[in-house]
Amino acid sequence: MQRLYTARAKATGGRDGRAVSSDNVIDLPLSTPKEMGGAGVAGSTNPEQLFAAGYAACFDGALNLVARLEKTPITGSTVAADVSFGKDGENYGIAVDLTVNIPGLGQGQAESLVAKAHQVCPYSRATRGNIDVNLTTTTNA
């Protein structure tokens, strides 16, 4: 792979520490959610939220790229990512539910674009075969 950009972040203190990007744009306290036995400190985040934000943004970018390549104008698309943490046998794992809304398109056309975006999105490619990723497509205005 020809590397075009590299993001760098450092975490200290694990799930109850801090995450900071190399340019300090991201400088966030981390806290284990109460549902996972942690304190769930208000004003903090966790790795699942960070992954959800990154995956949602990347997928929407892939969706808009596919739409442009297919000369299908779309505006106002949104991607909501739900990242779940849970037991996977003796280990822990994550699963992702992506809800993609493309207003103004027919359901079939929207589903086709979402399926194609799922093939080209770098997050989808990285997770394929490793975690469950479920796609839901809507066309609500």
C-alpha atoms as a PDB file:
ATOM      1  CA  MET A   1       0.000   0.000   0.000  1.00  0.00           C
ATOM      2  CA  GLN A   2       1.243   3.464  -0.868  1.00  0.00           C
ATOM      3  CA  ARG A   3       0.694   5.478   2.308  1.00  0.00           C
ATOM      4  CA  LEU A   4      -0.862   8.868   1.594  1.00  0.00           C
ATOM      5  CA  TYR A   5      -1.477   9.935   5.177  1.00  0.00           C
ATOM      6  CA  THR A   6      -0.737   8.570   8.616  1.00  0.00           C
ATOM      7  CA  ALA A   7      -2.701   9.543  11.715  1.00  0.00           C
ATOM      8  CA  ARG A   8      -1.020   9.113  15.070  1.00  0.00           C
ATOM      9  CA  ALA A   9      -2.608   8.966  18.484  1.00  0.00           C
ATOM     10  CA  LYS A  10      -1.376   7.826  21.842  1.00  0.00           C
ATOM     11  CA  ALA A  11      -3.397   6.310  24.657  1.00  0.00           C
ATOM     12  CA  THR A  12      -2.322   6.116  28.259  1.00  0.00           C
ATOM     13  CA  GLY A  13      -4.156   4.436  31.111  1.00  0.00           C
ATOM     14  CA  GLY A  14      -6.123   1.992  28.943  1.00  0.00           C
ATOM     15  CA  ARG A  15      -9.915   2.297  29.044  1.00  0.00           C
ATOM     16  CA  ASP A  16      -9.727   4.704  31.996  1.00  0.00           C
ATOM     17  CA  GLY A  17      -7.009   6.990  30.711  1.00  0.00           C
ATOM     18  CA  ARG A  18      -6.624   9.517  27.934  1.00  0.00           C
ATOM     19  CA  ALA A  19      -6.329   9.515  24.114  1.00  0.00           C
ATOM     20  CA  VAL A  20      -4.378  12.277  22.380  1.00  0.00           C
ATOM     21  CA  SER A  21      -3.652  12.785  18.680  1.00  0.00           C
ATOM     22  CA  SER A  22      -0.194  13.892  17.607  1.00  0.00           C
ATOM     23  CA  ASP A  23      -1.530  17.346  16.688  1.00  0.00           C
ATOM     24  CA  ASN A  24      -3.542  17.589  19.954  1.00  0.00           C
ATOM     25  CA  VAL A  25      -6.810  18.128  18.062  1.00  0.00           C
ATOM     26  CA  ILE A  26      -8.077  15.039  19.859  1.00  0.00           C
ATOM     27  CA  ASP A  27      -7.345  15.145  23.571  1.00  0.00           C
ATOM     28  CA  LEU A  28     -10.010  13.116  25.320  1.00  0.00           C
ATOM     29  CA  PRO A  29     -10.470  11.475  28.689  1.00  0.00           C
ATOM     30  CA  LEU A  30     -11.433   7.797  28.490  1.00  0.00           C
ATOM     31  CA  SER A  31     -13.740   5.923  30.834  1.00  0.00           C
ATOM     32  CA  THR A  32     -15.096   2.382  30.801  1.00  0.00           C
ATOM     33  CA  PRO A  33     -18.908   2.482  30.380  1.00  0.00           C
ATOM     34  CA  LYS A  34     -21.039   1.465  33.340  1.00  0.00           C
ATOM     35  CA  GLU A  35     -22.515  -1.349  31.213  1.00  0.00           C
ATOM     36  CA  MET A  36     -19.039  -2.867  31.115  1.00  0.00           C
ATOM     37  CA  GLY A  37     -18.453  -2.505  34.845  1.00  0.00           C
ATOM     38  CA  GLY A  38     -16.705   0.856  34.731  1.00  0.00           C
ATOM     39  CA  ALA A  39     -17.396   4.245  36.219  1.00  0.00           C
ATOM     40  CA  GLY A  40     -18.839   5.742  33.017  1.00  0.00           C
ATOM     41  CA  VAL A  41     -17.438   9.166  33.876  1.00  0.00           C
ATOM     42  CA  ALA A  42     -19.483  11.998  32.335  1.00  0.00           C
ATOM     43  CA  GLY A  43     -17.635  13.957  29.648  1.00  0.00           C
ATOM     44  CA  SER A  44     -15.405  11.035  28.700  1.00  0.00           C
ATOM     45  CA  THR A  45     -15.422   8.695  25.734  1.00  0.00           C
ATOM     46  CA  ASN A  46     -14.342   5.125  25.027  1.00  0.00           C
ATOM     47  CA  PRO A  47     -12.722   3.180  22.188  1.00  0.00           C
ATOM     48  CA  GLU A  48     -16.085   1.990  20.835  1.00  0.00           C
ATOM     49  CA  GLN A  49     -17.370   5.557  20.447  1.00  0.00           C
ATOM     50  CA  LEU A  50     -14.164   6.602  18.708  1.00  0.00           C
ATOM     51  CA  PHE A  51     -14.347   3.610  16.357  1.00  0.00           C
ATOM     52  CA  ALA A  52     -18.035   4.326  15.639  1.00  0.00           C
ATOM     53  CA  ALA A  53     -17.275   7.950  14.718  1.00  0.00           C
ATOM     54  CA  GLY A  54     -14.390   6.957  12.447  1.00  0.00           C
ATOM     55  CA  TYR A  55     -16.298   4.160  10.721  1.00  0.00           C
ATOM     56  CA  ALA A  56     -19.387   6.350  10.159  1.00  0.00           C
ATOM     57  CA  ALA A  57     -17.331   9.159   8.624  1.00  0.00           C
ATOM     58  CA  CYS A  58     -15.281   6.814   6.447  1.00  0.00           C
ATOM     59  CA  PHE A  59     -18.360   4.941   5.211  1.00  0.00           C
ATOM     60  CA  ASP A  60     -20.182   8.182   4.314  1.00  0.00           C
ATOM     61  CA  GLY A  61     -17.096   9.259   2.382  1.00  0.00           C
ATOM     62  CA  ALA A  62     -17.044   5.937   0.507  1.00  0.00           C
ATOM     63  CA  LEU A  63     -20.770   6.244  -0.193  1.00  0.00           C
ATOM     64  CA  ASN A  64     -20.346   9.714  -1.681  1.00  0.00           C
ATOM     65  CA  LEU A  65     -17.391   8.515  -3.771  1.00  0.00           C
ATOM     66  CA  VAL A  66     -19.405   5.606  -5.184  1.00  0.00           C
ATOM     67  CA  ALA A  67     -22.343   7.919  -5.912  1.00  0.00           C
ATOM     68  CA  ARG A  68     -20.072  10.361  -7.793  1.00  0.00           C
ATOM     69  CA  LEU A  69     -18.482   7.547  -9.810  1.00  0.00           C
ATOM     70  CA  GLU A  70     -21.943   6.283 -10.735  1.00  0.00           C
ATOM     71  CA  LYS A  71     -23.090   9.821 -11.554  1.00  0.00           C
ATOM     72  CA  THR A  72     -25.879   9.499  -8.983  1.00  0.00           C
ATOM     73  CA  PRO A  73     -26.240  12.796  -7.178  1.00  0.00           C
ATOM     74  CA  ILE A  74     -26.928  12.417  -3.472  1.00  0.00           C
ATOM     75  CA  THR A  75     -27.184  15.080  -0.802  1.00  0.00           C
ATOM     76  CA  GLY A  76     -27.717  14.843   2.906  1.00  0.00           C
ATOM     77  CA  SER A  77     -26.605  11.238   3.376  1.00  0.00           C
ATOM     78  CA  THR A  78     -25.975  10.147   6.955  1.00  0.00           C
ATOM     79  CA  VAL A  79     -24.330   7.103   8.452  1.00  0.00           C
ATOM     80  CA  ALA A  80     -24.973   6.057  12.035  1.00  0.00           C
ATOM     81  CA  ALA A  81     -22.608   3.437  13.431  1.00  0.00           C
ATOM     82  CA  ASP A  82     -23.505   1.384  16.489  1.00  0.00           C
ATOM     83  CA  VAL A  83     -20.431  -0.423  17.786  1.00  0.00           C
ATOM     84  CA  SER A  84     -21.200  -3.129  20.336  1.00  0.00           C
ATOM     85  CA  PHE A  85     -18.672  -4.686  22.709  1.00  0.00           C
ATOM     86  CA  GLY A  86     -19.301  -8.186  24.011  1.00  0.00           C
ATOM     87  CA  LYS A  87     -18.134 -11.702  24.708  1.00  0.00           C
ATOM     88  CA  ASP A  88     -16.932 -13.775  21.770  1.00  0.00           C
ATOM     89  CA  GLY A  89     -16.333 -17.228  23.200  1.00  0.00           C
ATOM     90  CA  GLU A  90     -13.527 -16.892  25.727  1.00  0.00           C
ATOM     91  CA  ASN A  91     -12.494 -13.494  24.326  1.00  0.00           C
ATOM     92  CA  TYR A  92     -14.095 -10.121  23.751  1.00  0.00           C
ATOM     93  CA  GLY A  93     -15.122  -8.716  20.408  1.00  0.00           C
ATOM     94  CA  ILE A  94     -17.049  -6.000  18.667  1.00  0.00           C
ATOM     95  CA  ALA A  95     -19.889  -5.922  16.160  1.00  0.00           C
ATOM     96  CA  VAL A  96     -21.079  -3.010  14.040  1.00  0.00           C
ATOM     97  CA  ASP A  97     -24.514  -1.968  12.820  1.00  0.00           C
ATOM     98  CA  LEU A  98     -24.428   0.741  10.145  1.00  0.00           C
ATOM     99  CA  THR A  99     -27.631   2.594   9.374  1.00  0.00           C
ATOM    100  CA  VAL A 100     -27.238   4.529   6.140  1.00  0.00           C
ATOM    101  CA  ASN A 101     -29.828   7.094   5.096  1.00  0.00           C
ATOM    102  CA  ILE A 102     -29.837   8.487   1.556  1.00  0.00           C
ATOM    103  CA  PRO A 103     -32.787  10.862   1.145  1.00  0.00           C
ATOM    104  CA  GLY A 104     -34.370  11.229  -2.263  1.00  0.00           C
ATOM    105  CA  LEU A 105     -33.379   7.874  -3.774  1.00  0.00           C
ATOM    106  CA  GLY A 106     -35.444   4.775  -4.370  1.00  0.00           C
ATOM    107  CA  GLN A 107     -34.823   1.970  -1.890  1.00  0.00           C
ATOM    108  CA  GLY A 108     -33.236  -0.366  -4.454  1.00  0.00           C
ATOM    109  CA  GLN A 109     -30.866   2.277  -5.789  1.00  0.00           C
ATOM    110  CA  ALA A 110     -29.888   3.299  -2.250  1.00  0.00           C
ATOM    111  CA  GLU A 111     -29.205  -0.326  -1.249  1.00  0.00           C
ATOM    112  CA  SER A 112     -27.042  -0.785  -4.351  1.00  0.00           C
ATOM    113  CA  LEU A 113     -24.923   2.260  -3.469  1.00  0.00           C
ATOM    114  CA  VAL A 114     -24.565   1.099   0.149  1.00  0.00           C
ATOM    115  CA  ALA A 115     -23.457  -2.377  -0.944  1.00  0.00           C
ATOM    116  CA  LYS A 116     -20.844  -0.851  -3.260  1.00  0.00           C
ATOM    117  CA  ALA A 117     -19.657   1.549  -0.556  1.00  0.00           C
ATOM    118  CA  HIS A 118     -19.243  -1.431   1.777  1.00  0.00           C
ATOM    119  CA  GLN A 119     -16.860  -2.966  -0.770  1.00  0.00           C
ATOM    120  CA  VAL A 120     -14.642   0.130  -1.053  1.00  0.00           C
ATOM    121  CA  CYS A 121     -14.752   1.665   2.454  1.00  0.00           C
ATOM    122  CA  PRO A 122     -11.347   1.097   4.089  1.00  0.00           C
ATOM    123  CA  TYR A 123     -12.968   0.380   7.480  1.00  0.00           C
ATOM    124  CA  SER A 124     -15.275  -2.198   5.886  1.00  0.00           C
ATOM    125  CA  ARG A 125     -12.345  -3.783   4.089  1.00  0.00           C
ATOM    126  CA  ALA A 126     -10.281  -3.887   7.283  1.00  0.00           C
ATOM    127  CA  THR A 127     -13.035  -5.524   9.311  1.00  0.00           C
ATOM    128  CA  ARG A 128     -14.366  -7.923   6.649  1.00  0.00           C
ATOM    129  CA  GLY A 129     -14.268 -11.470   7.944  1.00  0.00           C
ATOM    130  CA  ASN A 130     -13.194 -10.288  11.391  1.00  0.00           C
ATOM    131  CA  ILE A 131     -16.356  -8.817  12.895  1.00  0.00           C
ATOM    132  CA  ASP A 132     -20.061  -8.810  12.098  1.00  0.00           C
ATOM    133  CA  VAL A 133     -21.088  -5.696  10.178  1.00  0.00           C
ATOM    134  CA  ASN A 134     -24.814  -5.325   9.542  1.00  0.00           C
ATOM    135  CA  LEU A 135     -26.098  -2.780   7.017  1.00  0.00           C
ATOM    136  CA  THR A 136     -29.486  -1.082   7.098  1.00  0.00           C
ATOM    137  CA  THR A 137     -30.447   1.312   4.312  1.00  0.00           C
ATOM    138  CA  THR A 138     -33.174   3.946   4.521  1.00  0.00           C
ATOM    139  CA  THR A 139     -34.288   6.744   2.222  1.00  0.00           C
ATOM    140  CA  ASN A 140     -36.032   9.061   4.677  1.00  0.00           C
ATOM    141  CA  ALA A 141     -36.198  12.733   3.805  1.00  0.00           C
END
